[in-house]
């Protein structure tokens, strides 16, 4: 996988850290913060975007303020783990809006889902009508989050 890595110098890292903290920072403020002028910052941003290092820009929403305070993590075991079954499951998961994250796991189960809903009744409906009916689902185990201690933040480098 080393061939997939994109070489980042200290200016690239500074630009990425600033954008991760505030994606709406102006080019002038970003340039000032990283110690370059606007033109090289814009060129670096374009290069980082084209290389796929910057995958996009978006607003960070507060799900609790939107009535989506219930978070559950779901272990999923599949009845079939051949490539065609995995692809079918992956496609179907992407179509379920309540599934915020889906990770294939090496361990005692196949996938770990992060599911966000309004409350436990909504979660029960999503589990019964959507998750349990995903292709090749054999068994699930649910863990309800009581508190989010850390959910996300700017990427840092060693």
N, C-alpha and C. Protein backbone atom coordinates (compact mmCIF):
# COMPACT_ATOMS: atom_id res chain seq x y z
N UNK A 1 0.81 -1.20 0.00
CA UNK A 1 0.00 0.00 0.00
C UNK A 1 0.85 1.27 0.00
N UNK A 2 2.14 1.14 0.18
CA UNK A 2 3.01 2.31 0.23
C UNK A 2 2.92 3.13 -1.05
N UNK A 3 2.62 2.51 -2.18
CA UNK A 3 2.50 3.23 -3.44
C UNK A 3 1.29 4.16 -3.45
N UNK A 4 0.31 3.90 -2.60
CA UNK A 4 -0.89 4.72 -2.54
C UNK A 4 -0.69 5.99 -1.72
N UNK A 5 0.42 6.08 -1.00
CA UNK A 5 0.66 7.23 -0.15
C UNK A 5 1.08 8.44 -0.97
N UNK A 6 0.69 9.59 -0.52
CA UNK A 6 1.01 10.85 -1.18
C UNK A 6 2.00 11.57 -0.28
N UNK A 7 3.12 11.99 -0.82
CA UNK A 7 4.15 12.66 -0.02
C UNK A 7 3.66 14.03 0.44
N UNK A 8 3.70 14.25 1.73
CA UNK A 8 3.26 15.51 2.33
C UNK A 8 4.43 16.17 3.03
N UNK A 9 4.67 17.44 2.71
CA UNK A 9 5.70 18.18 3.44
C UNK A 9 5.04 18.95 4.59
N UNK A 10 5.84 19.72 5.30
CA UNK A 10 5.30 20.41 6.49
C UNK A 10 4.23 21.43 6.13
N UNK A 11 4.33 22.06 4.96
CA UNK A 11 3.30 23.03 4.55
C UNK A 11 1.99 22.31 4.23
N UNK A 12 2.09 21.18 3.52
CA UNK A 12 0.88 20.40 3.22
C UNK A 12 0.19 19.99 4.52
N UNK A 13 0.98 19.50 5.46
CA UNK A 13 0.41 19.05 6.74
C UNK A 13 -0.23 20.22 7.49
N UNK A 14 0.39 21.37 7.45
CA UNK A 14 -0.17 22.55 8.12
C UNK A 14 -1.47 22.97 7.45
N UNK A 15 -1.51 22.93 6.13
CA UNK A 15 -2.74 23.27 5.40
C UNK A 15 -3.84 22.28 5.76
N UNK A 16 -3.52 21.00 5.74
CA UNK A 16 -4.52 19.97 6.05
C UNK A 16 -5.03 20.10 7.48
N UNK A 17 -4.16 20.35 8.42
CA UNK A 17 -4.58 20.50 9.82
C UNK A 17 -5.50 21.71 9.98
N UNK A 18 -5.16 22.81 9.33
CA UNK A 18 -5.99 24.01 9.42
C UNK A 18 -7.36 23.78 8.78
N UNK A 19 -7.38 23.11 7.62
CA UNK A 19 -8.65 22.84 6.94
C UNK A 19 -9.50 21.84 7.73
N UNK A 20 -8.85 20.86 8.36
CA UNK A 20 -9.59 19.89 9.16
C UNK A 20 -10.25 20.56 10.36
N UNK A 21 -9.59 21.57 10.91
CA UNK A 21 -10.14 22.29 12.06
C UNK A 21 -11.21 23.29 11.63
N UNK A 22 -11.04 23.89 10.45
CA UNK A 22 -11.99 24.90 9.96
C UNK A 22 -11.98 24.89 8.44
N UNK A 23 -12.89 24.16 7.84
CA UNK A 23 -12.96 24.04 6.38
C UNK A 23 -13.39 25.32 5.69
N UNK A 24 -13.87 26.29 6.45
CA UNK A 24 -14.32 27.56 5.86
C UNK A 24 -13.29 28.68 6.02
N UNK A 25 -12.09 28.34 6.46
CA UNK A 25 -11.05 29.35 6.61
C UNK A 25 -10.77 29.99 5.25
N UNK A 26 -10.57 31.29 5.25
CA UNK A 26 -10.28 31.97 3.98
C UNK A 26 -8.86 31.62 3.53
N UNK A 27 -8.63 31.74 2.23
CA UNK A 27 -7.30 31.48 1.68
C UNK A 27 -6.28 32.42 2.32
N UNK A 28 -6.66 33.69 2.51
CA UNK A 28 -5.74 34.66 3.12
C UNK A 28 -5.37 34.24 4.54
N UNK A 29 -6.36 33.84 5.34
CA UNK A 29 -6.08 33.41 6.71
C UNK A 29 -5.28 32.12 6.72
N UNK A 30 -5.62 31.21 5.82
CA UNK A 30 -4.88 29.95 5.72
C UNK A 30 -3.42 30.21 5.36
N UNK A 31 -3.20 31.07 4.39
CA UNK A 31 -1.83 31.42 3.97
C UNK A 31 -1.05 32.01 5.14
N UNK A 32 -1.68 32.92 5.86
CA UNK A 32 -1.03 33.54 7.02
C UNK A 32 -0.69 32.47 8.07
N UNK A 33 -1.62 31.58 8.30
CA UNK A 33 -1.43 30.56 9.34
C UNK A 33 -0.28 29.61 9.01
N UNK A 34 -0.12 29.25 7.73
CA UNK A 34 0.92 28.28 7.37
C UNK A 34 2.23 28.92 6.94
N UNK A 35 2.25 30.24 6.80
CA UNK A 35 3.49 30.94 6.47
C UNK A 35 3.82 30.96 4.99
N UNK A 36 2.80 30.97 4.14
CA UNK A 36 2.99 31.09 2.70
C UNK A 36 2.11 32.21 2.17
N UNK A 37 2.28 32.56 0.91
CA UNK A 37 1.36 33.51 0.29
C UNK A 37 0.16 32.75 -0.28
N UNK A 38 -0.84 33.51 -0.72
CA UNK A 38 -2.08 32.89 -1.18
C UNK A 38 -1.89 31.99 -2.40
N UNK A 39 -1.08 32.41 -3.37
CA UNK A 39 -0.93 31.64 -4.60
C UNK A 39 -0.38 30.24 -4.36
N UNK A 40 0.71 30.06 -3.60
CA UNK A 40 1.17 28.70 -3.36
C UNK A 40 0.21 27.88 -2.50
N UNK A 41 -0.52 28.52 -1.60
CA UNK A 41 -1.52 27.78 -0.80
C UNK A 41 -2.62 27.26 -1.72
N UNK A 42 -3.11 28.10 -2.62
CA UNK A 42 -4.13 27.67 -3.56
C UNK A 42 -3.62 26.53 -4.45
N UNK A 43 -2.38 26.63 -4.91
CA UNK A 43 -1.80 25.58 -5.75
C UNK A 43 -1.67 24.28 -4.96
N UNK A 44 -1.25 24.37 -3.73
CA UNK A 44 -1.11 23.17 -2.90
C UNK A 44 -2.47 22.55 -2.63
N UNK A 45 -3.47 23.37 -2.34
CA UNK A 45 -4.82 22.84 -2.11
C UNK A 45 -5.33 22.12 -3.35
N UNK A 46 -5.13 22.71 -4.51
CA UNK A 46 -5.58 22.08 -5.75
C UNK A 46 -4.87 20.74 -5.96
N UNK A 47 -3.56 20.71 -5.70
CA UNK A 47 -2.78 19.47 -5.84
C UNK A 47 -3.27 18.42 -4.84
N UNK A 48 -3.55 18.81 -3.61
CA UNK A 48 -4.06 17.89 -2.59
C UNK A 48 -5.45 17.36 -2.95
N UNK A 49 -6.27 18.22 -3.54
CA UNK A 49 -7.61 17.79 -3.99
C UNK A 49 -7.48 16.80 -5.15
N UNK A 50 -6.65 17.13 -6.13
CA UNK A 50 -6.49 16.27 -7.30
C UNK A 50 -5.90 14.91 -6.92
N UNK A 51 -5.05 14.88 -5.91
CA UNK A 51 -4.44 13.63 -5.47
C UNK A 51 -5.38 12.82 -4.58
N UNK A 52 -6.51 13.41 -4.21
CA UNK A 52 -7.47 12.70 -3.36
C UNK A 52 -7.15 12.76 -1.88
N UNK A 53 -6.13 13.54 -1.50
CA UNK A 53 -5.82 13.71 -0.09
C UNK A 53 -6.94 14.51 0.58
N UNK A 54 -7.38 15.57 -0.09
CA UNK A 54 -8.60 16.28 0.33
C UNK A 54 -9.73 15.66 -0.47
N UNK A 55 -10.58 14.92 0.22
CA UNK A 55 -11.66 14.19 -0.46
C UNK A 55 -12.90 15.04 -0.66
N UNK A 56 -13.00 16.17 0.02
CA UNK A 56 -14.16 17.02 -0.12
C UNK A 56 -14.29 17.96 1.06
N UNK A 57 -15.32 18.77 1.02
CA UNK A 57 -15.61 19.73 2.07
C UNK A 57 -17.07 19.54 2.46
N UNK A 58 -17.36 19.67 3.75
CA UNK A 58 -18.74 19.51 4.19
C UNK A 58 -18.97 20.22 5.51
N UNK A 59 -20.23 20.42 5.81
CA UNK A 59 -20.59 20.98 7.11
C UNK A 59 -20.61 19.84 8.13
N UNK A 60 -20.17 20.12 9.35
CA UNK A 60 -20.24 19.15 10.43
C UNK A 60 -21.54 19.42 11.16
N UNK A 61 -22.45 18.47 11.10
CA UNK A 61 -23.77 18.63 11.68
C UNK A 61 -23.79 18.11 13.11
N UNK A 62 -24.67 18.67 13.93
CA UNK A 62 -24.84 18.21 15.30
C UNK A 62 -26.06 17.30 15.33
N UNK A 63 -25.85 15.99 15.34
CA UNK A 63 -26.99 15.07 15.26
C UNK A 63 -27.94 15.17 16.45
N UNK A 64 -27.43 15.53 17.61
CA UNK A 64 -28.30 15.64 18.79
C UNK A 64 -29.28 16.78 18.60
N UNK A 65 -28.80 17.92 18.08
CA UNK A 65 -29.69 19.06 17.81
C UNK A 65 -30.70 18.74 16.72
N UNK A 66 -30.42 17.70 15.92
CA UNK A 66 -31.32 17.29 14.83
C UNK A 66 -32.25 16.17 15.27
N UNK A 67 -32.23 15.82 16.57
CA UNK A 67 -33.12 14.77 17.07
C UNK A 67 -32.60 13.37 16.82
N UNK A 68 -31.30 13.21 16.63
CA UNK A 68 -30.71 11.90 16.38
C UNK A 68 -29.68 11.56 17.45
N UNK A 69 -30.15 11.46 18.68
CA UNK A 69 -29.25 11.27 19.83
C UNK A 69 -28.92 9.82 20.12
N UNK A 70 -29.67 8.87 19.58
CA UNK A 70 -29.47 7.45 19.91
C UNK A 70 -28.42 6.83 18.99
N UNK A 71 -27.38 6.29 19.59
CA UNK A 71 -26.31 5.63 18.82
C UNK A 71 -26.19 4.20 19.30
N UNK A 72 -26.17 3.29 18.34
CA UNK A 72 -25.95 1.87 18.64
C UNK A 72 -24.86 1.35 17.71
N UNK A 73 -24.05 0.46 18.25
CA UNK A 73 -23.06 -0.24 17.46
C UNK A 73 -23.56 -1.66 17.28
N UNK A 74 -23.50 -2.15 16.06
CA UNK A 74 -24.07 -3.46 15.75
C UNK A 74 -23.00 -4.35 15.13
N UNK A 75 -22.74 -5.47 15.79
CA UNK A 75 -21.90 -6.50 15.20
C UNK A 75 -22.77 -7.31 14.25
N UNK A 76 -22.28 -7.55 13.05
CA UNK A 76 -23.03 -8.32 12.06
C UNK A 76 -22.19 -9.52 11.64
N UNK A 77 -22.81 -10.70 11.71
CA UNK A 77 -22.19 -11.90 11.17
C UNK A 77 -22.99 -12.31 9.94
N UNK A 78 -22.27 -12.61 8.88
CA UNK A 78 -22.91 -13.00 7.63
C UNK A 78 -22.96 -14.52 7.49
N UNK A 79 -23.93 -14.98 6.74
CA UNK A 79 -24.04 -16.42 6.47
C UNK A 79 -23.13 -16.85 5.33
N UNK A 80 -22.64 -15.89 4.56
CA UNK A 80 -21.80 -16.17 3.40
C UNK A 80 -20.78 -15.04 3.30
N UNK A 81 -19.50 -15.39 3.23
CA UNK A 81 -18.47 -14.35 3.15
C UNK A 81 -17.66 -14.44 1.86
N UNK A 82 -18.23 -15.07 0.86
CA UNK A 82 -17.57 -15.02 -0.44
C UNK A 82 -17.69 -13.61 -1.00
N UNK A 83 -16.81 -13.26 -1.91
CA UNK A 83 -16.71 -11.89 -2.41
C UNK A 83 -18.05 -11.36 -2.93
N UNK A 84 -18.79 -12.14 -3.66
CA UNK A 84 -20.07 -11.68 -4.21
C UNK A 84 -21.05 -11.33 -3.08
N UNK A 85 -21.03 -12.10 -1.99
CA UNK A 85 -21.91 -11.82 -0.84
C UNK A 85 -21.47 -10.55 -0.13
N UNK A 86 -20.16 -10.38 0.03
CA UNK A 86 -19.65 -9.16 0.67
C UNK A 86 -20.03 -7.93 -0.14
N UNK A 87 -19.90 -8.01 -1.45
CA UNK A 87 -20.25 -6.88 -2.32
C UNK A 87 -21.74 -6.56 -2.23
N UNK A 88 -22.58 -7.58 -2.17
CA UNK A 88 -24.03 -7.36 -2.06
C UNK A 88 -24.35 -6.68 -0.73
N UNK A 89 -23.73 -7.14 0.35
CA UNK A 89 -23.95 -6.52 1.66
C UNK A 89 -23.48 -5.07 1.64
N UNK A 90 -22.28 -4.83 1.11
CA UNK A 90 -21.73 -3.47 1.06
C UNK A 90 -22.65 -2.52 0.30
N UNK A 91 -23.14 -2.94 -0.84
CA UNK A 91 -24.05 -2.10 -1.64
C UNK A 91 -25.32 -1.78 -0.85
N UNK A 92 -25.89 -2.79 -0.22
CA UNK A 92 -27.14 -2.59 0.52
C UNK A 92 -26.95 -1.68 1.73
N UNK A 93 -25.82 -1.81 2.42
CA UNK A 93 -25.55 -0.97 3.60
C UNK A 93 -25.50 0.50 3.20
N UNK A 94 -24.90 0.79 2.05
CA UNK A 94 -24.77 2.19 1.62
C UNK A 94 -26.13 2.85 1.39
N UNK A 95 -27.16 2.07 1.21
CA UNK A 95 -28.51 2.61 0.95
C UNK A 95 -29.32 2.85 2.23
N UNK A 96 -28.77 2.52 3.38
CA UNK A 96 -29.50 2.69 4.65
C UNK A 96 -28.98 3.96 5.33
N UNK A 97 -29.77 5.03 5.32
CA UNK A 97 -29.28 6.31 5.84
C UNK A 97 -28.97 6.30 7.34
N UNK A 98 -29.62 5.45 8.10
CA UNK A 98 -29.37 5.40 9.54
C UNK A 98 -28.02 4.77 9.88
N UNK A 99 -27.43 4.04 8.94
CA UNK A 99 -26.10 3.46 9.16
C UNK A 99 -25.08 4.54 8.85
N UNK A 100 -24.50 5.09 9.90
CA UNK A 100 -23.57 6.20 9.77
C UNK A 100 -22.18 5.71 9.34
N UNK A 101 -21.80 4.53 9.83
CA UNK A 101 -20.50 3.94 9.48
C UNK A 101 -20.66 2.44 9.37
N UNK A 102 -19.84 1.84 8.50
CA UNK A 102 -19.81 0.40 8.35
C UNK A 102 -18.37 -0.01 8.10
N UNK A 103 -17.87 -0.92 8.94
CA UNK A 103 -16.48 -1.36 8.84
C UNK A 103 -16.44 -2.88 8.76
N UNK A 104 -15.69 -3.42 7.78
CA UNK A 104 -15.44 -4.85 7.75
C UNK A 104 -14.38 -5.13 8.82
N UNK A 105 -14.61 -6.18 9.61
CA UNK A 105 -13.78 -6.46 10.77
C UNK A 105 -13.11 -7.82 10.62
N UNK A 106 -11.86 -7.90 11.04
CA UNK A 106 -11.17 -9.18 11.15
C UNK A 106 -11.34 -9.62 12.60
N UNK A 107 -12.14 -10.63 12.83
CA UNK A 107 -12.39 -11.06 14.21
C UNK A 107 -13.54 -12.03 14.27
N UNK A 108 -14.26 -12.00 15.37
CA UNK A 108 -15.34 -12.94 15.62
C UNK A 108 -16.64 -12.60 14.92
N UNK A 109 -16.70 -11.51 14.21
CA UNK A 109 -17.87 -11.14 13.41
C UNK A 109 -17.35 -10.48 12.15
N UNK A 110 -18.25 -10.15 11.22
CA UNK A 110 -17.80 -9.68 9.91
C UNK A 110 -17.82 -8.16 9.74
N UNK A 111 -18.81 -7.49 10.29
CA UNK A 111 -18.95 -6.04 10.13
C UNK A 111 -19.33 -5.40 11.46
N UNK A 112 -18.93 -4.14 11.61
CA UNK A 112 -19.36 -3.32 12.73
C UNK A 112 -20.05 -2.10 12.15
N UNK A 113 -21.29 -1.88 12.55
CA UNK A 113 -22.08 -0.75 12.07
C UNK A 113 -22.25 0.27 13.19
N UNK A 114 -22.21 1.54 12.84
CA UNK A 114 -22.62 2.60 13.75
C UNK A 114 -23.96 3.10 13.23
N UNK A 115 -24.98 2.96 14.05
CA UNK A 115 -26.34 3.29 13.63
C UNK A 115 -26.85 4.44 14.49
N UNK A 116 -27.37 5.49 13.85
CA UNK A 116 -27.86 6.66 14.57
C UNK A 116 -29.35 6.83 14.27
N UNK A 117 -30.13 6.93 15.34
CA UNK A 117 -31.58 7.12 15.23
C UNK A 117 -32.04 8.11 16.30
N UNK A 118 -33.33 8.41 16.29
CA UNK A 118 -33.88 9.35 17.27
C UNK A 118 -33.99 8.76 18.66
N UNK A 119 -34.38 7.50 18.74
CA UNK A 119 -34.54 6.86 20.04
C UNK A 119 -34.53 5.35 19.86
N UNK A 120 -34.73 4.62 20.95
CA UNK A 120 -34.65 3.16 20.91
C UNK A 120 -35.77 2.56 20.05
N UNK A 121 -36.93 3.19 20.04
CA UNK A 121 -38.03 2.69 19.20
C UNK A 121 -37.67 2.81 17.72
N UNK A 122 -37.07 3.94 17.33
CA UNK A 122 -36.60 4.10 15.95
C UNK A 122 -35.53 3.06 15.62
N UNK A 123 -34.62 2.84 16.57
CA UNK A 123 -33.57 1.85 16.35
C UNK A 123 -34.18 0.47 16.13
N UNK A 124 -35.15 0.11 16.95
CA UNK A 124 -35.80 -1.21 16.83
C UNK A 124 -36.41 -1.37 15.44
N UNK A 125 -37.05 -0.32 14.93
CA UNK A 125 -37.64 -0.36 13.59
C UNK A 125 -36.56 -0.52 12.53
N UNK A 126 -35.49 0.25 12.64
CA UNK A 126 -34.40 0.16 11.67
C UNK A 126 -33.78 -1.24 11.70
N UNK A 127 -33.59 -1.78 12.89
CA UNK A 127 -33.02 -3.13 13.00
C UNK A 127 -33.94 -4.15 12.34
N UNK A 128 -35.22 -4.08 12.63
CA UNK A 128 -36.16 -5.08 12.10
C UNK A 128 -36.39 -4.94 10.60
N UNK A 129 -36.53 -3.70 10.13
CA UNK A 129 -36.92 -3.49 8.74
C UNK A 129 -35.76 -3.31 7.78
N UNK A 130 -34.61 -2.91 8.27
CA UNK A 130 -33.50 -2.61 7.36
C UNK A 130 -32.28 -3.49 7.59
N UNK A 131 -31.75 -3.47 8.81
CA UNK A 131 -30.49 -4.17 9.06
C UNK A 131 -30.67 -5.69 8.97
N UNK A 132 -31.70 -6.21 9.62
CA UNK A 132 -31.93 -7.66 9.60
C UNK A 132 -32.23 -8.20 8.21
N UNK A 133 -32.68 -7.32 7.33
CA UNK A 133 -33.03 -7.77 5.97
C UNK A 133 -31.91 -7.53 4.96
N UNK A 134 -30.76 -7.03 5.42
CA UNK A 134 -29.63 -6.85 4.51
C UNK A 134 -29.18 -8.22 4.00
N UNK A 135 -28.60 -8.27 2.81
CA UNK A 135 -28.20 -9.56 2.24
C UNK A 135 -27.22 -10.33 3.13
N UNK A 136 -27.52 -11.60 3.34
CA UNK A 136 -26.64 -12.56 4.01
C UNK A 136 -26.44 -12.33 5.50
N UNK A 137 -27.28 -11.51 6.14
CA UNK A 137 -27.17 -11.31 7.59
C UNK A 137 -27.64 -12.57 8.29
N UNK A 138 -26.75 -13.14 9.10
CA UNK A 138 -27.08 -14.35 9.85
C UNK A 138 -27.39 -14.03 11.31
N UNK A 139 -26.64 -13.07 11.89
CA UNK A 139 -26.84 -12.73 13.30
C UNK A 139 -26.31 -11.32 13.55
N UNK A 140 -26.89 -10.69 14.57
CA UNK A 140 -26.44 -9.36 14.99
C UNK A 140 -26.37 -9.30 16.51
N UNK A 141 -25.53 -8.42 17.00
CA UNK A 141 -25.47 -8.09 18.43
C UNK A 141 -25.39 -6.57 18.53
N UNK A 142 -26.20 -5.99 19.39
CA UNK A 142 -26.29 -4.54 19.51
C UNK A 142 -25.70 -4.07 20.83
N UNK A 143 -24.97 -2.95 20.76
CA UNK A 143 -24.41 -2.29 21.92
C UNK A 143 -24.85 -0.83 21.84
N UNK A 144 -25.59 -0.36 22.83
CA UNK A 144 -26.09 1.01 22.83
C UNK A 144 -25.07 1.92 23.51
N UNK A 145 -24.73 3.01 22.85
CA UNK A 145 -23.79 3.98 23.41
C UNK A 145 -24.51 4.83 24.45
N UNK A 146 -23.89 4.99 25.59
CA UNK A 146 -24.46 5.83 26.64
C UNK A 146 -23.97 7.26 26.54
N UNK A 147 -22.73 7.44 26.03
CA UNK A 147 -22.16 8.77 25.92
C UNK A 147 -21.04 8.72 24.88
N UNK A 148 -20.96 9.76 24.06
CA UNK A 148 -19.85 9.88 23.11
C UNK A 148 -18.74 10.66 23.80
N UNK A 149 -17.64 10.02 24.07
CA UNK A 149 -16.51 10.67 24.72
C UNK A 149 -15.67 11.40 23.68
N UNK A 150 -15.47 10.76 22.52
CA UNK A 150 -14.76 11.38 21.40
C UNK A 150 -15.30 10.76 20.14
N UNK A 151 -15.76 11.60 19.21
CA UNK A 151 -16.27 11.09 17.95
C UNK A 151 -15.38 11.41 16.77
N UNK A 152 -14.86 12.61 16.71
CA UNK A 152 -13.99 12.95 15.60
C UNK A 152 -13.17 14.18 15.95
N UNK A 153 -12.21 14.44 15.12
CA UNK A 153 -11.37 15.60 15.31
C UNK A 153 -10.37 15.67 14.19
N UNK A 154 -9.62 16.74 14.14
CA UNK A 154 -8.61 16.86 13.08
C UNK A 154 -7.59 15.73 13.13
N UNK A 155 -7.16 15.32 11.98
CA UNK A 155 -6.14 14.28 11.88
C UNK A 155 -4.82 14.86 12.35
N UNK A 156 -4.06 14.07 13.09
CA UNK A 156 -2.74 14.53 13.50
C UNK A 156 -1.71 13.51 13.05
N UNK A 157 -0.50 13.98 12.89
CA UNK A 157 0.60 13.12 12.44
C UNK A 157 1.63 13.02 13.53
N UNK A 158 2.34 11.88 13.53
CA UNK A 158 3.41 11.74 14.54
C UNK A 158 4.54 12.71 14.32
